[in-house]
Structures are given as C-alpha cells and as structure tokens.
Amino acid sequence: NYAVRCTSNPAAFRIVRGDGVLMPRNSVTVAVSFQLDELGRFEETLVVETDCVGETYTVGVTGLCAESRVEPATFEEVQLGMCPVMETTSKWFEIENFGLF
C-alpha cells in the first residue's frame, strides 16, 4: 500500500491516484495539480507513506505561478487613414501576450 499526502493545511494540492495498492514489479503514476490565487514562486513537500516498516519519503514540489498579460495601449486605436468611397479598407492590428503564460 502507498499513500501520498500534502503537508500544508488546508491542502494546496489535488492528488489523483494518491493512495492504493502497489503490486510487486508494478508502478503507479500520481497526478498532482495546484492552483494558486497569487503570482510568485511556491514550494511544498508531499509525503509518501508505504507499508515498508519505518519508511516515509518526501517529494519536493516547486513552481512559479505566472499570468497572461496584454498591453491595451498597443492596440487601442487602428488608423485606417483616407478611405475611398465604395471600396473596402482594411488594416491589421496585433495583440501580444507580454506575460509568462
């Protein structure tokens, strides 16, 4: 048997397949998801407990929460210039993501 637990209270991570039976010569993939409501780096320790007598393991989880960011000033106005009557006038404008995500 194995169990993966988050050490923070309340638990900051959602752990999928965090506990179960692990048969000899088999493996399991544990999914860890996290959502932070502020920008910045985070660091957490997960504890892995097994049936092995006296054995507890830790897994460090680190990351950086970033955001998408656009600058509206770069596309707030599109100047079409002089437009001929009864003809289509077009111009492109660009929206750029200046953020890390």
N, C-alpha and C. Protein backbone atom coordinates (compact mmCIF):
# COMPACT_ATOMS: atom_id res chain seq x y z
N ASN A 1 0.84 -1.19 0.00
CA ASN A 1 0.00 0.00 0.00
C ASN A 1 0.88 1.24 0.00
N TYR A 2 0.33 2.31 -0.57
CA TYR A 2 1.03 3.59 -0.56
C TYR A 2 -0.01 4.69 -0.37
N ALA A 3 0.44 5.82 0.12
CA ALA A 3 -0.42 7.00 0.26
C ALA A 3 0.44 8.25 0.10
N VAL A 4 -0.03 9.20 -0.71
CA VAL A 4 0.66 10.47 -0.91
C VAL A 4 -0.19 11.55 -0.26
N ARG A 5 0.42 12.33 0.62
CA ARG A 5 -0.31 13.36 1.36
C ARG A 5 0.40 14.71 1.21
N CYS A 6 -0.41 15.75 1.21
CA CYS A 6 0.10 17.12 1.20
C CYS A 6 0.33 17.56 2.64
N THR A 7 1.43 18.27 2.89
CA THR A 7 1.75 18.68 4.26
C THR A 7 1.11 20.00 4.67
N SER A 8 0.63 20.78 3.70
CA SER A 8 0.05 22.08 4.06
C SER A 8 -1.39 21.90 4.54
N ASN A 9 -1.85 22.86 5.33
CA ASN A 9 -3.20 22.82 5.84
C ASN A 9 -3.83 24.19 5.63
N PRO A 10 -4.85 24.35 4.82
CA PRO A 10 -5.52 23.30 4.06
C PRO A 10 -4.65 22.82 2.90
N ALA A 11 -4.94 21.66 2.41
CA ALA A 11 -4.14 21.06 1.33
C ALA A 11 -4.18 21.95 0.10
N ALA A 12 -3.00 22.30 -0.39
CA ALA A 12 -2.90 23.18 -1.56
C ALA A 12 -2.96 22.41 -2.87
N PHE A 13 -2.77 21.11 -2.80
CA PHE A 13 -2.70 20.29 -4.00
C PHE A 13 -3.86 19.33 -4.08
N ARG A 14 -4.24 19.02 -5.30
CA ARG A 14 -5.19 17.94 -5.55
C ARG A 14 -4.36 16.76 -6.04
N ILE A 15 -4.49 15.64 -5.40
CA ILE A 15 -3.68 14.47 -5.73
C ILE A 15 -4.60 13.38 -6.27
N VAL A 16 -4.32 12.94 -7.50
CA VAL A 16 -5.10 11.89 -8.14
C VAL A 16 -4.27 10.61 -8.12
N ARG A 17 -4.89 9.51 -7.74
CA ARG A 17 -4.23 8.22 -7.52
C ARG A 17 -3.23 8.34 -6.37
N GLY A 18 -3.61 9.06 -5.35
CA GLY A 18 -2.73 9.32 -4.22
C GLY A 18 -2.64 8.20 -3.21
N ASP A 19 -3.46 7.18 -3.36
CA ASP A 19 -3.31 6.03 -2.47
C ASP A 19 -3.83 4.78 -3.18
N GLY A 20 -3.33 3.66 -2.73
CA GLY A 20 -3.75 2.41 -3.35
C GLY A 20 -2.80 1.28 -3.02
N VAL A 21 -2.97 0.20 -3.76
CA VAL A 21 -2.13 -0.98 -3.59
C VAL A 21 -1.15 -1.01 -4.76
N LEU A 22 0.11 -1.19 -4.43
CA LEU A 22 1.15 -1.26 -5.46
C LEU A 22 1.74 -2.66 -5.43
N MET A 23 1.39 -3.42 -6.43
CA MET A 23 1.83 -4.82 -6.51
C MET A 23 3.32 -4.88 -6.87
N PRO A 24 4.00 -5.98 -6.51
CA PRO A 24 5.41 -6.13 -6.83
C PRO A 24 5.69 -5.96 -8.33
N ARG A 25 6.75 -5.28 -8.65
CA ARG A 25 7.22 -5.02 -10.02
C ARG A 25 6.24 -4.22 -10.86
N ASN A 26 5.36 -3.45 -10.19
CA ASN A 26 4.44 -2.56 -10.88
C ASN A 26 4.75 -1.12 -10.47
N SER A 27 4.15 -0.20 -11.16
CA SER A 27 4.32 1.21 -10.81
C SER A 27 2.97 1.91 -10.92
N VAL A 28 2.91 3.10 -10.40
CA VAL A 28 1.69 3.90 -10.48
C VAL A 28 2.10 5.34 -10.79
N THR A 29 1.31 6.02 -11.56
CA THR A 29 1.54 7.43 -11.85
C THR A 29 0.59 8.24 -10.99
N VAL A 30 1.15 9.14 -10.22
CA VAL A 30 0.37 10.00 -9.33
C VAL A 30 0.33 11.39 -9.95
N ALA A 31 -0.87 11.93 -10.12
CA ALA A 31 -1.02 13.27 -10.69
C ALA A 31 -1.21 14.29 -9.57
N VAL A 32 -0.48 15.40 -9.68
CA VAL A 32 -0.55 16.47 -8.68
C VAL A 32 -0.96 17.74 -9.41
N SER A 33 -2.04 18.37 -8.97
CA SER A 33 -2.44 19.64 -9.57
C SER A 33 -2.53 20.71 -8.49
N PHE A 34 -2.36 21.95 -8.92
CA PHE A 34 -2.21 23.05 -7.98
C PHE A 34 -2.76 24.31 -8.62
N GLN A 35 -3.44 25.12 -7.84
CA GLN A 35 -3.92 26.41 -8.33
C GLN A 35 -3.67 27.45 -7.25
N LEU A 36 -2.86 28.44 -7.59
CA LEU A 36 -2.53 29.50 -6.64
C LEU A 36 -3.28 30.75 -7.05
N ASP A 37 -3.75 31.53 -6.10
CA ASP A 37 -4.50 32.74 -6.42
C ASP A 37 -3.64 34.00 -6.35
N GLU A 38 -2.33 33.84 -6.40
CA GLU A 38 -1.42 34.99 -6.41
C GLU A 38 -0.20 34.64 -7.24
N LEU A 39 0.48 35.68 -7.73
CA LEU A 39 1.68 35.47 -8.52
C LEU A 39 2.86 35.14 -7.62
N GLY A 40 3.78 34.37 -8.13
CA GLY A 40 5.00 34.11 -7.40
C GLY A 40 5.38 32.65 -7.36
N ARG A 41 6.50 32.40 -6.73
CA ARG A 41 7.01 31.04 -6.59
C ARG A 41 6.32 30.32 -5.44
N PHE A 42 6.23 29.01 -5.55
CA PHE A 42 5.69 28.22 -4.45
C PHE A 42 6.57 27.00 -4.24
N GLU A 43 6.50 26.49 -3.04
CA GLU A 43 7.28 25.32 -2.65
C GLU A 43 6.48 24.52 -1.64
N GLU A 44 6.40 23.23 -1.84
CA GLU A 44 5.62 22.37 -0.96
C GLU A 44 6.31 21.02 -0.87
N THR A 45 6.01 20.29 0.16
CA THR A 45 6.54 18.94 0.33
C THR A 45 5.38 17.97 0.45
N LEU A 46 5.41 16.94 -0.38
CA LEU A 46 4.43 15.87 -0.29
C LEU A 46 5.09 14.71 0.45
N VAL A 47 4.31 14.01 1.24
CA VAL A 47 4.81 12.87 1.99
C VAL A 47 4.27 11.60 1.34
N VAL A 48 5.16 10.64 1.11
CA VAL A 48 4.77 9.35 0.55
C VAL A 48 4.97 8.31 1.63
N GLU A 49 3.89 7.69 2.06
CA GLU A 49 3.94 6.64 3.08
C GLU A 49 3.71 5.30 2.40
N THR A 50 4.44 4.30 2.85
CA THR A 50 4.29 2.95 2.29
C THR A 50 4.18 1.93 3.42
N ASP A 51 3.96 0.68 3.05
CA ASP A 51 3.92 -0.41 4.03
C ASP A 51 5.30 -0.81 4.52
N CYS A 52 6.34 -0.31 3.87
CA CYS A 52 7.69 -0.64 4.31
C CYS A 52 7.86 -0.11 5.73
N VAL A 53 8.27 -0.95 6.63
CA VAL A 53 8.36 -0.59 8.04
C VAL A 53 9.33 0.57 8.23
N GLY A 54 8.84 1.63 8.85
CA GLY A 54 9.67 2.78 9.16
C GLY A 54 10.08 3.64 7.99
N GLU A 55 9.48 3.43 6.82
CA GLU A 55 9.87 4.19 5.64
C GLU A 55 8.82 5.23 5.27
N THR A 56 9.24 6.49 5.28
CA THR A 56 8.43 7.60 4.78
C THR A 56 9.32 8.41 3.86
N TYR A 57 8.80 8.79 2.72
CA TYR A 57 9.58 9.52 1.72
C TYR A 57 8.95 10.88 1.50
N THR A 58 9.72 11.81 1.01
CA THR A 58 9.18 13.13 0.69
C THR A 58 9.47 13.46 -0.77
N VAL A 59 8.59 14.26 -1.34
CA VAL A 59 8.72 14.73 -2.71
C VAL A 59 8.59 16.25 -2.66
N GLY A 60 9.60 16.95 -3.13
CA GLY A 60 9.53 18.41 -3.20
C GLY A 60 8.80 18.84 -4.45
N VAL A 61 7.88 19.77 -4.31
CA VAL A 61 7.13 20.30 -5.45
C VAL A 61 7.36 21.80 -5.47
N THR A 62 7.90 22.30 -6.57
CA THR A 62 8.17 23.74 -6.69
C THR A 62 7.64 24.24 -8.02
N GLY A 63 7.41 25.52 -8.11
CA GLY A 63 6.94 26.10 -9.36
C GLY A 63 6.82 27.60 -9.26
N LEU A 64 6.33 28.17 -10.33
CA LEU A 64 6.15 29.61 -10.43
C LEU A 64 4.77 29.87 -11.03
N CYS A 65 3.93 30.58 -10.31
CA CYS A 65 2.62 30.96 -10.83
C CYS A 65 2.79 32.28 -11.58
N ALA A 66 2.44 32.25 -12.85
CA ALA A 66 2.57 33.42 -13.70
C ALA A 66 1.20 33.76 -14.28
N GLU A 67 1.16 34.77 -15.10
CA GLU A 67 -0.11 35.18 -15.69
C GLU A 67 0.06 35.60 -17.13
N SER A 68 -1.03 35.63 -17.84
CA SER A 68 -1.06 36.23 -19.16
C SER A 68 -1.28 37.72 -18.98
N ARG A 69 -0.67 38.51 -19.86
CA ARG A 69 -0.83 39.96 -19.72
C ARG A 69 -0.73 40.60 -21.09
N VAL A 70 -1.68 41.46 -21.40
CA VAL A 70 -1.64 42.23 -22.64
C VAL A 70 -1.60 43.70 -22.28
N GLU A 71 -1.07 44.49 -23.22
CA GLU A 71 -1.00 45.94 -23.04
C GLU A 71 -2.02 46.58 -23.99
N PRO A 72 -3.18 46.99 -23.47
CA PRO A 72 -4.21 47.56 -24.34
C PRO A 72 -3.74 48.79 -25.11
N ALA A 73 -2.77 49.52 -24.58
CA ALA A 73 -2.28 50.72 -25.26
C ALA A 73 -1.67 50.38 -26.62
N THR A 74 -1.22 49.15 -26.80
CA THR A 74 -0.60 48.77 -28.08
C THR A 74 -1.62 48.51 -29.18
N PHE A 75 -2.90 48.39 -28.83
CA PHE A 75 -3.92 48.14 -29.86
C PHE A 75 -5.21 48.91 -29.60
N GLU A 76 -5.13 50.04 -28.92
CA GLU A 76 -6.36 50.76 -28.57
C GLU A 76 -6.97 51.55 -29.72
N GLU A 77 -6.20 51.79 -30.77
CA GLU A 77 -6.75 52.53 -31.90
C GLU A 77 -6.12 52.02 -33.19
N VAL A 78 -6.96 51.85 -34.21
CA VAL A 78 -6.48 51.45 -35.54
C VAL A 78 -6.78 52.61 -36.49
N GLN A 79 -5.74 53.19 -37.05
CA GLN A 79 -5.88 54.30 -38.00
C GLN A 79 -5.99 53.73 -39.42
N LEU A 80 -7.15 53.91 -40.02
CA LEU A 80 -7.35 53.43 -41.39
C LEU A 80 -6.93 54.48 -42.42
N GLY A 81 -6.68 55.69 -42.00
CA GLY A 81 -6.26 56.73 -42.95
C GLY A 81 -7.41 57.15 -43.84
N MET A 82 -7.07 57.60 -45.04
CA MET A 82 -8.08 58.03 -46.00
C MET A 82 -8.69 56.80 -46.67
N CYS A 83 -10.03 56.72 -46.64
CA CYS A 83 -10.73 55.55 -47.18
C CYS A 83 -11.52 55.96 -48.42
N PRO A 84 -11.27 55.30 -49.56
CA PRO A 84 -12.03 55.63 -50.76
C PRO A 84 -13.50 55.18 -50.63
N VAL A 85 -14.39 55.96 -51.19
CA VAL A 85 -15.81 55.65 -51.17
C VAL A 85 -16.05 54.39 -52.01
N MET A 86 -16.90 53.48 -51.49
CA MET A 86 -17.32 52.26 -52.17
C MET A 86 -16.17 51.25 -52.36
N GLU A 87 -15.12 51.38 -51.57
CA GLU A 87 -14.04 50.39 -51.60
C GLU A 87 -13.74 49.93 -50.17
N THR A 88 -13.32 48.70 -50.05
CA THR A 88 -13.01 48.15 -48.74
C THR A 88 -11.62 48.61 -48.30
N THR A 89 -11.54 49.07 -47.07
CA THR A 89 -10.26 49.45 -46.49
C THR A 89 -10.01 48.55 -45.29
N SER A 90 -8.84 47.94 -45.20
CA SER A 90 -8.52 47.09 -44.07
C SER A 90 -7.12 47.36 -43.56
N LYS A 91 -6.94 47.03 -42.29
CA LYS A 91 -5.64 47.15 -41.66
C LYS A 91 -5.58 46.14 -40.52
N TRP A 92 -4.42 45.58 -40.31
CA TRP A 92 -4.22 44.60 -39.24
C TRP A 92 -3.79 45.31 -37.97
N PHE A 93 -4.12 44.70 -36.85
CA PHE A 93 -3.52 45.13 -35.59
C PHE A 93 -3.12 43.90 -34.81
N GLU A 94 -2.17 44.06 -33.90
CA GLU A 94 -1.57 42.93 -33.20
C GLU A 94 -1.86 43.00 -31.70
N ILE A 95 -2.19 41.86 -31.13
CA ILE A 95 -2.34 41.73 -29.69
C ILE A 95 -1.24 40.79 -29.22
N GLU A 96 -0.41 41.24 -28.32
CA GLU A 96 0.72 40.44 -27.85
C GLU A 96 0.57 40.11 -26.37
N ASN A 97 0.91 38.87 -26.03
CA ASN A 97 0.90 38.45 -24.64
C ASN A 97 2.29 38.72 -24.07
N PHE A 98 2.39 39.69 -23.15
CA PHE A 98 3.66 40.05 -22.53
C PHE A 98 3.93 39.24 -21.27
N GLY A 99 2.98 38.41 -20.86
CA GLY A 99 3.11 37.63 -19.64
C GLY A 99 3.95 36.37 -19.83
N LEU A 100 3.96 35.56 -18.82
CA LEU A 100 4.74 34.32 -18.85
C LEU A 100 3.89 33.11 -19.17
N PHE A 101 2.58 33.29 -19.33
CA PHE A 101 1.70 32.16 -19.55
C PHE A 101 0.81 32.40 -20.72
